[in-house]
PDB file of N, CA and C in Angstrom:
ATOM      1  N   UNK A   1     -14.544   6.653   4.085  1.00  0.00           N
ATOM      2  CA  UNK A   1     -13.652   5.535   4.301  1.00  0.00           C
ATOM      3  C   UNK A   1     -13.159   4.996   2.945  1.00  0.00           C
ATOM      4  N   UNK A   2     -11.787   4.901   2.826  1.00  0.00           N
ATOM      5  CA  UNK A   2     -11.294   4.436   1.535  1.00  0.00           C
ATOM      6  C   UNK A   2     -10.832   2.946   1.627  1.00  0.00           C
ATOM      7  N   UNK A   3     -11.140   2.299   2.742  1.00  0.00           N
ATOM      8  CA  UNK A   3     -10.774   0.837   2.798  1.00  0.00           C
ATOM      9  C   UNK A   3     -12.046   0.118   3.128  1.00  0.00           C
ATOM     10  N   UNK A   4     -11.977  -1.165   2.820  1.00  0.00           N
ATOM     11  CA  UNK A   4     -13.081  -2.140   3.114  1.00  0.00           C
ATOM     12  C   UNK A   4     -12.523  -3.405   3.658  1.00  0.00           C
ATOM     13  N   UNK A   5     -13.173  -3.985   4.611  1.00  0.00           N
ATOM     14  CA  UNK A   5     -12.743  -5.242   5.201  1.00  0.00           C
ATOM     15  C   UNK A   5     -13.406  -6.424   4.579  1.00  0.00           C
ATOM     16  N   UNK A   6     -14.157  -6.213   3.433  1.00  0.00           N
ATOM     17  CA  UNK A   6     -14.890  -7.340   2.874  1.00  0.00           C
ATOM     18  C   UNK A   6     -14.015  -8.485   2.512  1.00  0.00           C
ATOM     19  N   UNK A   7     -12.908  -8.261   1.806  1.00  0.00           N
ATOM     20  CA  UNK A   7     -12.049  -9.373   1.433  1.00  0.00           C
ATOM     21  C   UNK A   7     -11.467 -10.123   2.627  1.00  0.00           C
ATOM     22  N   UNK A   8     -11.005  -9.343   3.620  1.00  0.00           N
ATOM     23  CA  UNK A   8     -10.419  -9.901   4.808  1.00  0.00           C
ATOM     24  C   UNK A   8     -11.476 -10.697   5.603  1.00  0.00           C
ATOM     25  N   UNK A   9     -12.709 -10.138   5.732  1.00  0.00           N
ATOM     26  CA  UNK A   9     -13.755 -10.835   6.433  1.00  0.00           C
ATOM     27  C   UNK A   9     -14.167 -12.123   5.720  1.00  0.00           C
ATOM     28  N   UNK A  10     -14.090 -12.084   4.432  1.00  0.00           N
ATOM     29  CA  UNK A  10     -14.433 -13.288   3.668  1.00  0.00           C
ATOM     30  C   UNK A  10     -13.397 -14.399   3.932  1.00  0.00           C
ATOM     31  N   UNK A  11     -12.142 -13.967   3.882  1.00  0.00           N
ATOM     32  CA  UNK A  11     -11.048 -14.965   4.188  1.00  0.00           C
ATOM     33  C   UNK A  11     -11.032 -15.427   5.671  1.00  0.00           C
ATOM     34  N   UNK A  12     -11.451 -14.529   6.559  1.00  0.00           N
ATOM     35  CA  UNK A  12     -11.381 -14.840   7.986  1.00  0.00           C
ATOM     36  C   UNK A  12     -12.480 -15.781   8.436  1.00  0.00           C
ATOM     37  N   UNK A  13     -13.572 -15.787   7.708  1.00  0.00           N
ATOM     38  CA  UNK A  13     -14.731 -16.635   8.067  1.00  0.00           C
ATOM     39  C   UNK A  13     -15.084 -16.472   9.485  1.00  0.00           C
ATOM     40  N   UNK A  14     -15.165 -15.236  10.016  1.00  0.00           N
ATOM     41  CA  UNK A  14     -15.587 -14.964  11.359  1.00  0.00           C
ATOM     42  C   UNK A  14     -14.439 -14.959  12.376  1.00  0.00           C
ATOM     43  N   UNK A  15     -13.239 -15.275  11.979  1.00  0.00           N
ATOM     44  CA  UNK A  15     -12.087 -15.272  12.903  1.00  0.00           C
ATOM     45  C   UNK A  15     -11.566 -13.842  13.098  1.00  0.00           C
ATOM     46  N   UNK A  16     -11.989 -13.211  14.219  1.00  0.00           N
ATOM     47  CA  UNK A  16     -11.577 -11.842  14.506  1.00  0.00           C
ATOM     48  C   UNK A  16     -10.068 -11.671  14.674  1.00  0.00           C
ATOM     49  N   UNK A  17      -9.455 -12.709  15.258  1.00  0.00           N
ATOM     50  CA  UNK A  17      -8.001 -12.648  15.474  1.00  0.00           C
ATOM     51  C   UNK A  17      -7.257 -12.545  14.071  1.00  0.00           C
ATOM     52  N   UNK A  18      -7.842 -13.225  13.081  1.00  0.00           N
ATOM     53  CA  UNK A  18      -7.186 -13.154  11.741  1.00  0.00           C
ATOM     54  C   UNK A  18      -7.324 -11.722  11.171  1.00  0.00           C
ATOM     55  N   UNK A  19      -8.504 -11.152  11.361  1.00  0.00           N
ATOM     56  CA  UNK A  19      -8.702  -9.749  10.851  1.00  0.00           C
ATOM     57  C   UNK A  19      -7.737  -8.813  11.544  1.00  0.00           C
ATOM     58  N   UNK A  20      -7.667  -8.960  12.916  1.00  0.00           N
ATOM     59  CA  UNK A  20      -6.700  -8.152  13.716  1.00  0.00           C
ATOM     60  C   UNK A  20      -5.294  -8.321  13.211  1.00  0.00           C
ATOM     61  N   UNK A  21      -4.904  -9.550  12.967  1.00  0.00           N
ATOM     62  CA  UNK A  21      -3.550  -9.896  12.438  1.00  0.00           C
ATOM     63  C   UNK A  21      -3.225  -9.233  11.139  1.00  0.00           C
ATOM     64  N   UNK A  22      -4.196  -9.275  10.188  1.00  0.00           N
ATOM     65  CA  UNK A  22      -3.983  -8.689   8.863  1.00  0.00           C
ATOM     66  C   UNK A  22      -3.826  -7.132   9.043  1.00  0.00           C
ATOM     67  N   UNK A  23      -4.670  -6.550   9.834  1.00  0.00           N
ATOM     68  CA  UNK A  23      -4.609  -5.108  10.111  1.00  0.00           C
ATOM     69  C   UNK A  23      -3.251  -4.752  10.706  1.00  0.00           C
ATOM     70  N   UNK A  24      -2.825  -5.532  11.715  1.00  0.00           N
ATOM     71  CA  UNK A  24      -1.554  -5.297  12.361  1.00  0.00           C
ATOM     72  C   UNK A  24      -0.405  -5.382  11.397  1.00  0.00           C
ATOM     73  N   UNK A  25      -0.358  -6.358  10.533  1.00  0.00           N
ATOM     74  CA  UNK A  25       0.661  -6.535   9.534  1.00  0.00           C
ATOM     75  C   UNK A  25       0.675  -5.337   8.614  1.00  0.00           C
ATOM     76  N   UNK A  26      -0.497  -4.944   8.163  1.00  0.00           N
ATOM     77  CA  UNK A  26      -0.614  -3.735   7.261  1.00  0.00           C
ATOM     78  C   UNK A  26      -0.005  -2.575   7.941  1.00  0.00           C
ATOM     79  N   UNK A  27      -0.377  -2.312   9.218  1.00  0.00           N
ATOM     80  CA  UNK A  27       0.073  -1.091   9.949  1.00  0.00           C
ATOM     81  C   UNK A  27       1.614  -1.179  10.245  1.00  0.00           C
ATOM     82  N   UNK A  28       2.135  -2.356  10.363  1.00  0.00           N
ATOM     83  CA  UNK A  28       3.576  -2.468  10.558  1.00  0.00           C
ATOM     84  C   UNK A  28       4.443  -2.396   9.337  1.00  0.00           C
ATOM     85  N   UNK A  29       3.934  -3.023   8.290  1.00  0.00           N
ATOM     86  CA  UNK A  29       4.771  -3.180   7.067  1.00  0.00           C
ATOM     87  C   UNK A  29       4.575  -2.040   6.013  1.00  0.00           C
ATOM     88  N   UNK A  30       3.342  -1.716   5.780  1.00  0.00           N
ATOM     89  CA  UNK A  30       3.092  -0.817   4.611  1.00  0.00           C
ATOM     90  C   UNK A  30       3.726   0.604   4.835  1.00  0.00           C
ATOM     91  N   UNK A  31       3.587   1.234   5.995  1.00  0.00           N
ATOM     92  CA  UNK A  31       4.265   2.546   6.167  1.00  0.00           C
ATOM     93  C   UNK A  31       5.732   2.490   5.961  1.00  0.00           C
ATOM     94  N   UNK A  32       6.379   1.378   6.425  1.00  0.00           N
ATOM     95  CA  UNK A  32       7.826   1.147   6.249  1.00  0.00           C
ATOM     96  C   UNK A  32       8.125   0.980   4.777  1.00  0.00           C
ATOM     97  N   UNK A  33       7.386   0.177   4.132  1.00  0.00           N
ATOM     98  CA  UNK A  33       7.529  -0.074   2.699  1.00  0.00           C
ATOM     99  C   UNK A  33       7.386   1.193   1.913  1.00  0.00           C
ATOM    100  N   UNK A  34       6.398   2.045   2.309  1.00  0.00           N
ATOM    101  CA  UNK A  34       6.214   3.303   1.643  1.00  0.00           C
ATOM    102  C   UNK A  34       7.352   4.263   1.822  1.00  0.00           C
ATOM    103  N   UNK A  35       7.905   4.312   3.006  1.00  0.00           N
ATOM    104  CA  UNK A  35       9.079   5.108   3.307  1.00  0.00           C
ATOM    105  C   UNK A  35      10.267   4.679   2.517  1.00  0.00           C
ATOM    106  N   UNK A  36      10.440   3.386   2.375  1.00  0.00           N
ATOM    107  CA  UNK A  36      11.560   2.798   1.564  1.00  0.00           C
ATOM    108  C   UNK A  36      11.344   3.111   0.106  1.00  0.00           C
ATOM    109  N   UNK A  37      10.062   3.113  -0.331  1.00  0.00           N
ATOM    110  CA  UNK A  37       9.732   3.459  -1.732  1.00  0.00           C
ATOM    111  C   UNK A  37      10.115   4.878  -1.949  1.00  0.00           C
ATOM    112  N   UNK A  38       9.804   5.771  -1.049  1.00  0.00           N
ATOM    113  CA  UNK A  38      10.195   7.174  -1.250  1.00  0.00           C
ATOM    114  C   UNK A  38      11.675   7.347  -1.396  1.00  0.00           C
ATOM    115  N   UNK A  39      12.417   6.617  -0.546  1.00  0.00           N
ATOM    116  CA  UNK A  39      13.886   6.672  -0.599  1.00  0.00           C
ATOM    117  C   UNK A  39      14.416   6.145  -1.935  1.00  0.00           C
ATOM    118  N   UNK A  40      13.763   5.035  -2.453  1.00  0.00           N
ATOM    119  CA  UNK A  40      14.184   4.513  -3.725  1.00  0.00           C
ATOM    120  C   UNK A  40      13.850   5.497  -4.879  1.00  0.00           C
ATOM    121  N   UNK A  41      12.773   6.186  -4.743  1.00  0.00           N
ATOM    122  CA  UNK A  41      12.465   7.234  -5.704  1.00  0.00           C
ATOM    123  C   UNK A  41      13.513   8.311  -5.784  1.00  0.00           C
ATOM    124  N   UNK A  42      13.877   8.793  -4.568  1.00  0.00           N
ATOM    125  CA  UNK A  42      14.847   9.872  -4.429  1.00  0.00           C
ATOM    126  C   UNK A  42      16.188   9.435  -4.990  1.00  0.00           C
ATOM    127  N   UNK A  43      16.571   8.133  -4.819  1.00  0.00           N
ATOM    128  CA  UNK A  43      17.851   7.694  -5.365  1.00  0.00           C
ATOM    129  C   UNK A  43      17.782   7.144  -6.755  1.00  0.00           C
ATOM    130  N   UNK A  44      16.577   7.241  -7.310  1.00  0.00           N
ATOM    131  CA  UNK A  44      16.366   6.778  -8.740  1.00  0.00           C
ATOM    132  C   UNK A  44      16.653   5.314  -8.930  1.00  0.00           C
ATOM    133  N   UNK A  45      16.268   4.523  -7.930  1.00  0.00           N
ATOM    134  CA  UNK A  45      16.553   3.048  -7.953  1.00  0.00           C
ATOM    135  C   UNK A  45      15.313   2.369  -8.515  1.00  0.00           C
ATOM    136  N   UNK A  46      15.255   2.199  -9.802  1.00  0.00           N
ATOM    137  CA  UNK A  46      14.072   1.604 -10.457  1.00  0.00           C
ATOM    138  C   UNK A  46      13.715   0.242  -9.901  1.00  0.00           C
ATOM    139  N   UNK A  47      14.750  -0.560  -9.733  1.00  0.00           N
ATOM    140  CA  UNK A  47      14.452  -1.975  -9.214  1.00  0.00           C
ATOM    141  C   UNK A  47      13.795  -1.923  -7.849  1.00  0.00           C
ATOM    142  N   UNK A  48      14.284  -1.093  -6.933  1.00  0.00           N
ATOM    143  CA  UNK A  48      13.693  -1.017  -5.659  1.00  0.00           C
ATOM    144  C   UNK A  48      12.275  -0.433  -5.713  1.00  0.00           C
ATOM    145  N   UNK A  49      12.108   0.498  -6.602  1.00  0.00           N
ATOM    146  CA  UNK A  49      10.802   1.137  -6.762  1.00  0.00           C
ATOM    147  C   UNK A  49       9.785  -0.002  -7.270  1.00  0.00           C
ATOM    148  N   UNK A  50      10.227  -0.771  -8.208  1.00  0.00           N
ATOM    149  CA  UNK A  50       9.401  -1.874  -8.676  1.00  0.00           C
ATOM    150  C   UNK A  50       9.098  -2.893  -7.540  1.00  0.00           C
ATOM    151  N   UNK A  51      10.127  -3.305  -6.800  1.00  0.00           N
ATOM    152  CA  UNK A  51       9.926  -4.305  -5.800  1.00  0.00           C
ATOM    153  C   UNK A  51       9.003  -3.831  -4.661  1.00  0.00           C
ATOM    154  N   UNK A  52       9.211  -2.600  -4.240  1.00  0.00           N
ATOM    155  CA  UNK A  52       8.425  -2.105  -3.104  1.00  0.00           C
ATOM    156  C   UNK A  52       6.973  -1.864  -3.510  1.00  0.00           C
ATOM    157  N   UNK A  53       6.782  -1.327  -4.698  1.00  0.00           N
ATOM    158  CA  UNK A  53       5.377  -1.149  -5.175  1.00  0.00           C
ATOM    159  C   UNK A  53       4.706  -2.463  -5.316  1.00  0.00           C
ATOM    160  N   UNK A  54       5.469  -3.484  -5.789  1.00  0.00           N
ATOM    161  CA  UNK A  54       4.902  -4.812  -5.948  1.00  0.00           C
ATOM    162  C   UNK A  54       4.556  -5.400  -4.540  1.00  0.00           C
ATOM    163  N   UNK A  55       5.324  -5.102  -3.564  1.00  0.00           N
ATOM    164  CA  UNK A  55       5.053  -5.593  -2.169  1.00  0.00           C
ATOM    165  C   UNK A  55       3.855  -4.887  -1.504  1.00  0.00           C
ATOM    166  N   UNK A  56       3.692  -3.563  -1.841  1.00  0.00           N
ATOM    167  CA  UNK A  56       2.613  -2.786  -1.282  1.00  0.00           C
ATOM    168  C   UNK A  56       1.243  -3.203  -1.872  1.00  0.00           C
ATOM    169  N   UNK A  57       1.259  -3.511  -3.171  1.00  0.00           N
ATOM    170  CA  UNK A  57       0.053  -3.726  -3.940  1.00  0.00           C
ATOM    171  C   UNK A  57      -0.917  -4.707  -3.341  1.00  0.00           C
ATOM    172  N   UNK A  58      -0.462  -5.974  -2.982  1.00  0.00           N
ATOM    173  CA  UNK A  58      -1.449  -6.906  -2.407  1.00  0.00           C
ATOM    174  C   UNK A  58      -1.980  -6.485  -1.035  1.00  0.00           C
ATOM    175  N   UNK A  59      -1.213  -5.725  -0.268  1.00  0.00           N
ATOM    176  CA  UNK A  59      -1.700  -5.262   1.030  1.00  0.00           C
ATOM    177  C   UNK A  59      -2.793  -4.265   0.896  1.00  0.00           C
ATOM    178  N   UNK A  60      -2.706  -3.366  -0.068  1.00  0.00           N
ATOM    179  CA  UNK A  60      -3.791  -2.361  -0.280  1.00  0.00           C
ATOM    180  C   UNK A  60      -4.999  -3.050  -0.937  1.00  0.00           C
ATOM    181  N   UNK A  61      -4.706  -4.031  -1.771  1.00  0.00           N
ATOM    182  CA  UNK A  61      -5.808  -4.772  -2.476  1.00  0.00           C
ATOM    183  C   UNK A  61      -6.632  -5.558  -1.433  1.00  0.00           C
ATOM    184  N   UNK A  62      -5.957  -6.117  -0.413  1.00  0.00           N
ATOM    185  CA  UNK A  62      -6.635  -6.916   0.610  1.00  0.00           C
ATOM    186  C   UNK A  62      -7.631  -5.975   1.400  1.00  0.00           C
ATOM    187  N   UNK A  63      -7.321  -4.722   1.444  1.00  0.00           N
ATOM    188  CA  UNK A  63      -8.176  -3.752   2.176  1.00  0.00           C
ATOM    189  C   UNK A  63      -9.152  -3.098   1.236  1.00  0.00           C
ATOM    190  N   UNK A  64      -9.259  -3.563  -0.016  1.00  0.00           N
ATOM    191  CA  UNK A  64     -10.215  -3.111  -0.926  1.00  0.00           C
ATOM    192  C   UNK A  64      -9.954  -1.658  -1.380  1.00  0.00           C
ATOM    193  N   UNK A  65      -8.715  -1.251  -1.372  1.00  0.00           N
ATOM    194  CA  UNK A  65      -8.281   0.138  -1.744  1.00  0.00           C
ATOM    195  C   UNK A  65      -7.995   0.185  -3.230  1.00  0.00           C
ATOM    196  N   UNK A  66      -9.060   0.208  -4.057  1.00  0.00           N
ATOM    197  CA  UNK A  66      -8.879   0.131  -5.490  1.00  0.00           C
ATOM    198  C   UNK A  66      -8.039   1.241  -6.122  1.00  0.00           C
ATOM    199  N   UNK A  67      -8.275   2.472  -5.780  1.00  0.00           N
ATOM    200  CA  UNK A  67      -7.498   3.606  -6.287  1.00  0.00           C
ATOM    201  C   UNK A  67      -6.021   3.445  -5.893  1.00  0.00           C
ATOM    202  N   UNK A  68      -5.801   3.020  -4.688  1.00  0.00           N
ATOM    203  CA  UNK A  68      -4.459   2.880  -4.140  1.00  0.00           C
ATOM    204  C   UNK A  68      -3.801   1.729  -4.819  1.00  0.00           C
ATOM    205  N   UNK A  69      -4.506   0.653  -5.009  1.00  0.00           N
ATOM    206  CA  UNK A  69      -3.928  -0.540  -5.768  1.00  0.00           C
ATOM    207  C   UNK A  69      -3.555  -0.129  -7.201  1.00  0.00           C
ATOM    208  N   UNK A  70      -4.431   0.670  -7.805  1.00  0.00           N
ATOM    209  CA  UNK A  70      -4.116   1.107  -9.179  1.00  0.00           C
ATOM    210  C   UNK A  70      -2.808   2.002  -9.210  1.00  0.00           C
ATOM    211  N   UNK A  71      -2.662   2.823  -8.192  1.00  0.00           N
ATOM    212  CA  UNK A  71      -1.477   3.676  -8.145  1.00  0.00           C
ATOM    213  C   UNK A  71      -0.191   2.854  -7.908  1.00  0.00           C
ATOM    214  N   UNK A  72      -0.366   1.815  -6.990  1.00  0.00           N
ATOM    215  CA  UNK A  72       0.781   0.917  -6.724  1.00  0.00           C
ATOM    216  C   UNK A  72       1.148   0.126  -7.999  1.00  0.00           C
ATOM    217  N   UNK A  73       0.137  -0.340  -8.732  1.00  0.00           N
ATOM    218  CA  UNK A  73       0.358  -1.069  -9.937  1.00  0.00           C
ATOM    219  C   UNK A  73       1.043  -0.209 -10.956  1.00  0.00           C
ATOM    220  N   UNK A  74       0.606   1.088 -11.112  1.00  0.00           N
ATOM    221  CA  UNK A  74       1.221   1.948 -12.076  1.00  0.00           C
ATOM    222  C   UNK A  74       2.689   2.233 -11.719  1.00  0.00           C
ATOM    223  N   UNK A  75       2.985   2.448 -10.453  1.00  0.00           N
ATOM    224  CA  UNK A  75       4.353   2.653  -9.991  1.00  0.00           C
ATOM    225  C   UNK A  75       5.174   1.357 -10.225  1.00  0.00           C
ATOM    226  N   UNK A  76       4.597   0.244  -9.919  1.00  0.00           N
ATOM    227  CA  UNK A  76       5.266  -1.004 -10.194  1.00  0.00           C
ATOM    228  C   UNK A  76       5.640  -1.218 -11.661  1.00  0.00           C
ATOM    229  N   UNK A  77       4.718  -0.961 -12.521  1.00  0.00           N
ATOM    230  CA  UNK A  77       4.876  -1.066 -13.950  1.00  0.00           C
ATOM    231  C   UNK A  77       5.950  -0.105 -14.481  1.00  0.00           C
ATOM    232  N   UNK A  78       5.851   1.106 -14.048  1.00  0.00           N
ATOM    233  CA  UNK A  78       6.782   2.170 -14.514  1.00  0.00           C
ATOM    234  C   UNK A  78       8.177   1.844 -13.976  1.00  0.00           C
ATOM    235  N   UNK A  79       8.299   1.372 -12.731  1.00  0.00           N
ATOM    236  CA  UNK A  79       9.548   0.974 -12.189  1.00  0.00           C
ATOM    237  C   UNK A  79      10.178  -0.172 -12.896  1.00  0.00           C
ATOM    238  N   UNK A  80       9.373  -1.138 -13.219  1.00  0.00           N
ATOM    239  CA  UNK A  80       9.902  -2.376 -13.891  1.00  0.00           C
ATOM    240  C   UNK A  80      10.402  -1.992 -15.308  1.00  0.00           C
ATOM    241  N   UNK A  81       9.703  -1.093 -15.962  1.00  0.00           N
ATOM    242  CA  UNK A  81      10.102  -0.731 -17.296  1.00  0.00           C
ATOM    243  C   UNK A  81      11.150   0.395 -17.302  1.00  0.00           C
ATOM    244  N   UNK A  82      11.540   0.887 -16.122  1.00  0.00           N
ATOM    245  CA  UNK A  82      12.475   1.957 -15.948  1.00  0.00           C
ATOM    246  C   UNK A  82      12.014   3.175 -16.741  1.00  0.00           C
ATOM    247  N   UNK A  83      10.728   3.448 -16.619  1.00  0.00           N
ATOM    248  CA  UNK A  83      10.099   4.616 -17.312  1.00  0.00           C
ATOM    249  C   UNK A  83      10.631   5.903 -16.730  1.00  0.00           C
ATOM    250  N   UNK A  84      10.082   6.955 -17.194  1.00  0.00           N
ATOM    251  CA  UNK A  84      10.398   8.267 -16.730  1.00  0.00           C
ATOM    252  C   UNK A  84      10.102   8.409 -15.223  1.00  0.00           C
ATOM    253  N   UNK A  85      11.083   8.698 -14.435  1.00  0.00           N
ATOM    254  CA  UNK A  85      10.895   8.786 -12.979  1.00  0.00           C
ATOM    255  C   UNK A  85       9.922   9.884 -12.640  1.00  0.00           C
ATOM    256  N   UNK A  86       9.811  10.931 -13.486  1.00  0.00           N
ATOM    257  CA  UNK A  86       8.865  11.998 -13.238  1.00  0.00           C
ATOM    258  C   UNK A  86       7.437  11.499 -13.236  1.00  0.00           C
ATOM    259  N   UNK A  87       7.183  10.489 -14.080  1.00  0.00           N
ATOM    260  CA  UNK A  87       5.815   9.866 -14.146  1.00  0.00           C
ATOM    261  C   UNK A  87       5.521   9.160 -12.807  1.00  0.00           C
ATOM    262  N   UNK A  88       6.513   8.441 -12.330  1.00  0.00           N
ATOM    263  CA  UNK A  88       6.350   7.717 -11.042  1.00  0.00           C
ATOM    264  C   UNK A  88       6.135   8.757  -9.903  1.00  0.00           C
ATOM    265  N   UNK A  89       6.846   9.866  -9.929  1.00  0.00           N
ATOM    266  CA  UNK A  89       6.772  10.885  -8.908  1.00  0.00           C
ATOM    267  C   UNK A  89       5.382  11.587  -8.970  1.00  0.00           C
ATOM    268  N   UNK A  90       4.702  11.551 -10.089  1.00  0.00           N
ATOM    269  CA  UNK A  90       3.348  12.083 -10.204  1.00  0.00           C
ATOM    270  C   UNK A  90       2.317  11.212  -9.427  1.00  0.00           C
ATOM    271  N   UNK A  91       2.554   9.910  -9.524  1.00  0.00           N
ATOM    272  CA  UNK A  91       1.626   8.912  -8.918  1.00  0.00           C
ATOM    273  C   UNK A  91       1.905   8.718  -7.474  1.00  0.00           C
ATOM    274  N   UNK A  92       3.105   8.779  -7.037  1.00  0.00           N
ATOM    275  CA  UNK A  92       3.480   8.515  -5.671  1.00  0.00           C
ATOM    276  C   UNK A  92       2.716   9.257  -4.615  1.00  0.00           C
ATOM    277  N   UNK A  93       2.426  10.544  -4.785  1.00  0.00           N
ATOM    278  CA  UNK A  93       1.701  11.263  -3.770  1.00  0.00           C
ATOM    279  C   UNK A  93       0.279  10.708  -3.493  1.00  0.00           C
ATOM    280  N   UNK A  94      -0.315  10.149  -4.531  1.00  0.00           N
ATOM    281  CA  UNK A  94      -1.649   9.534  -4.400  1.00  0.00           C
ATOM    282  C   UNK A  94      -1.533   8.268  -3.499  1.00  0.00           C
ATOM    283  N   UNK A  95      -0.515   7.438  -3.748  1.00  0.00           N
ATOM    284  CA  UNK A  95      -0.238   6.310  -2.924  1.00  0.00           C
ATOM    285  C   UNK A  95       0.021   6.680  -1.528  1.00  0.00           C
ATOM    286  N   UNK A  96       0.882   7.689  -1.323  1.00  0.00           N
ATOM    287  CA  UNK A  96       1.292   8.176  -0.025  1.00  0.00           C
ATOM    288  C   UNK A  96       0.070   8.729   0.818  1.00  0.00           C
ATOM    289  N   UNK A  97      -0.716   9.541   0.150  1.00  0.00           N
ATOM    290  CA  UNK A  97      -1.898  10.146   0.788  1.00  0.00           C
ATOM    291  C   UNK A  97      -2.866   9.106   1.216  1.00  0.00           C
ATOM    292  N   UNK A  98      -3.191   8.161   0.266  1.00  0.00           N
ATOM    293  CA  UNK A  98      -4.166   7.143   0.596  1.00  0.00           C
ATOM    294  C   UNK A  98      -3.732   6.242   1.753  1.00  0.00           C
ATOM    295  N   UNK A  99      -2.499   5.865   1.734  1.00  0.00           N
ATOM    296  CA  UNK A  99      -1.957   4.920   2.731  1.00  0.00           C
ATOM    297  C   UNK A  99      -1.962   5.704   4.130  1.00  0.00           C
ATOM    298  N   UNK A 100      -1.557   6.954   4.152  1.00  0.00           N
ATOM    299  CA  UNK A 100      -1.532   7.702   5.370  1.00  0.00           C
ATOM    300  C   UNK A 100      -2.955   7.836   5.962  1.00  0.00           C
ATOM    301  N   UNK A 101      -3.909   8.044   5.050  1.00  0.00           N
ATOM    302  CA  UNK A 101      -5.340   8.163   5.477  1.00  0.00           C
ATOM    303  C   UNK A 101      -5.836   6.876   6.064  1.00  0.00           C
ATOM    304  N   UNK A 102      -5.531   5.753   5.365  1.00  0.00           N
ATOM    305  CA  UNK A 102      -6.027   4.451   5.814  1.00  0.00           C
ATOM    306  C   UNK A 102      -5.334   4.064   7.168  1.00  0.00           C
ATOM    307  N   UNK A 103      -4.074   4.339   7.258  1.00  0.00           N
ATOM    308  CA  UNK A 103      -3.344   4.010   8.517  1.00  0.00           C
ATOM    309  C   UNK A 103      -3.990   4.772   9.700  1.00  0.00           C
ATOM    310  N   UNK A 104      -4.292   6.028   9.483  1.00  0.00           N
ATOM    311  CA  UNK A 104      -4.989   6.810  10.523  1.00  0.00           C
ATOM    312  C   UNK A 104      -6.348   6.243  10.849  1.00  0.00           C
ATOM    313  N   UNK A 105      -7.142   5.893   9.808  1.00  0.00           N
ATOM    314  CA  UNK A 105      -8.475   5.334   9.942  1.00  0.00           C
ATOM    315  C   UNK A 105      -8.424   4.038  10.679  1.00  0.00           C
ATOM    316  N   UNK A 106      -7.493   3.130  10.289  1.00  0.00           N
ATOM    317  CA  UNK A 106      -7.405   1.828  10.913  1.00  0.00           C
ATOM    318  C   UNK A 106      -7.022   1.944  12.395  1.00  0.00           C
ATOM    319  N   UNK A 107      -6.134   2.852  12.688  1.00  0.00           N
ATOM    320  CA  UNK A 107      -5.719   3.016  14.124  1.00  0.00           C
ATOM    321  C   UNK A 107      -6.916   3.497  14.934  1.00  0.00           C
ATOM    322  N   UNK A 108      -7.660   4.410  14.307  1.00  0.00           N
ATOM    323  CA  UNK A 108      -8.821   4.944  15.028  1.00  0.00           C
ATOM    324  C   UNK A 108      -9.934   3.829  15.168  1.00  0.00           C
ATOM    325  N   UNK A 109     -10.207   3.213  14.080  1.00  0.00           N
ATOM    326  CA  UNK A 109     -11.312   2.203  13.998  1.00  0.00           C
ATOM    327  C   UNK A 109     -11.049   1.002  14.841  1.00  0.00           C
ATOM    328  N   UNK A 110      -9.784   0.652  15.046  1.00  0.00           N
ATOM    329  CA  UNK A 110      -9.432  -0.586  15.798  1.00  0.00           C
ATOM    330  C   UNK A 110      -8.710  -0.198  17.107  1.00  0.00           C
ATOM    331  N   UNK A 111      -8.760   1.044  17.518  1.00  0.00           N
ATOM    332  CA  UNK A 111      -8.146   1.532  18.804  1.00  0.00           C
ATOM    333  C   UNK A 111      -6.767   1.051  18.923  1.00  0.00           C
ATOM    334  N   UNK A 112      -5.936   1.262  17.920  1.00  0.00           N
ATOM    335  CA  UNK A 112      -4.531   0.838  17.924  1.00  0.00           C
ATOM    336  C   UNK A 112      -3.601   2.064  18.107  1.00  0.00           C
TER     337      UNK A 112
END
């Protein structure tokens, strides 16, 4: 398992509805943001790459996905500085793979 509910549970203070809500928002927003990020990469839109990575980062952080957060941060930083797109393209598959895995795990673990 590459995610942890520790941060969410701490914030929820026993409120299961809150936990479900955070998971639902993650499942609705992050795959869409990831898809838009891929499109931004293909069109070489550094500003969109930066904004989308910035938007994804707190969502994966909330689920304790440290490696994924680091990948999002690296993409965000490279996008903001308009660095070499090839560098961003090296990191993107890590982000993509981790998010796909967590989406599948969350759907299974929460019967969604």
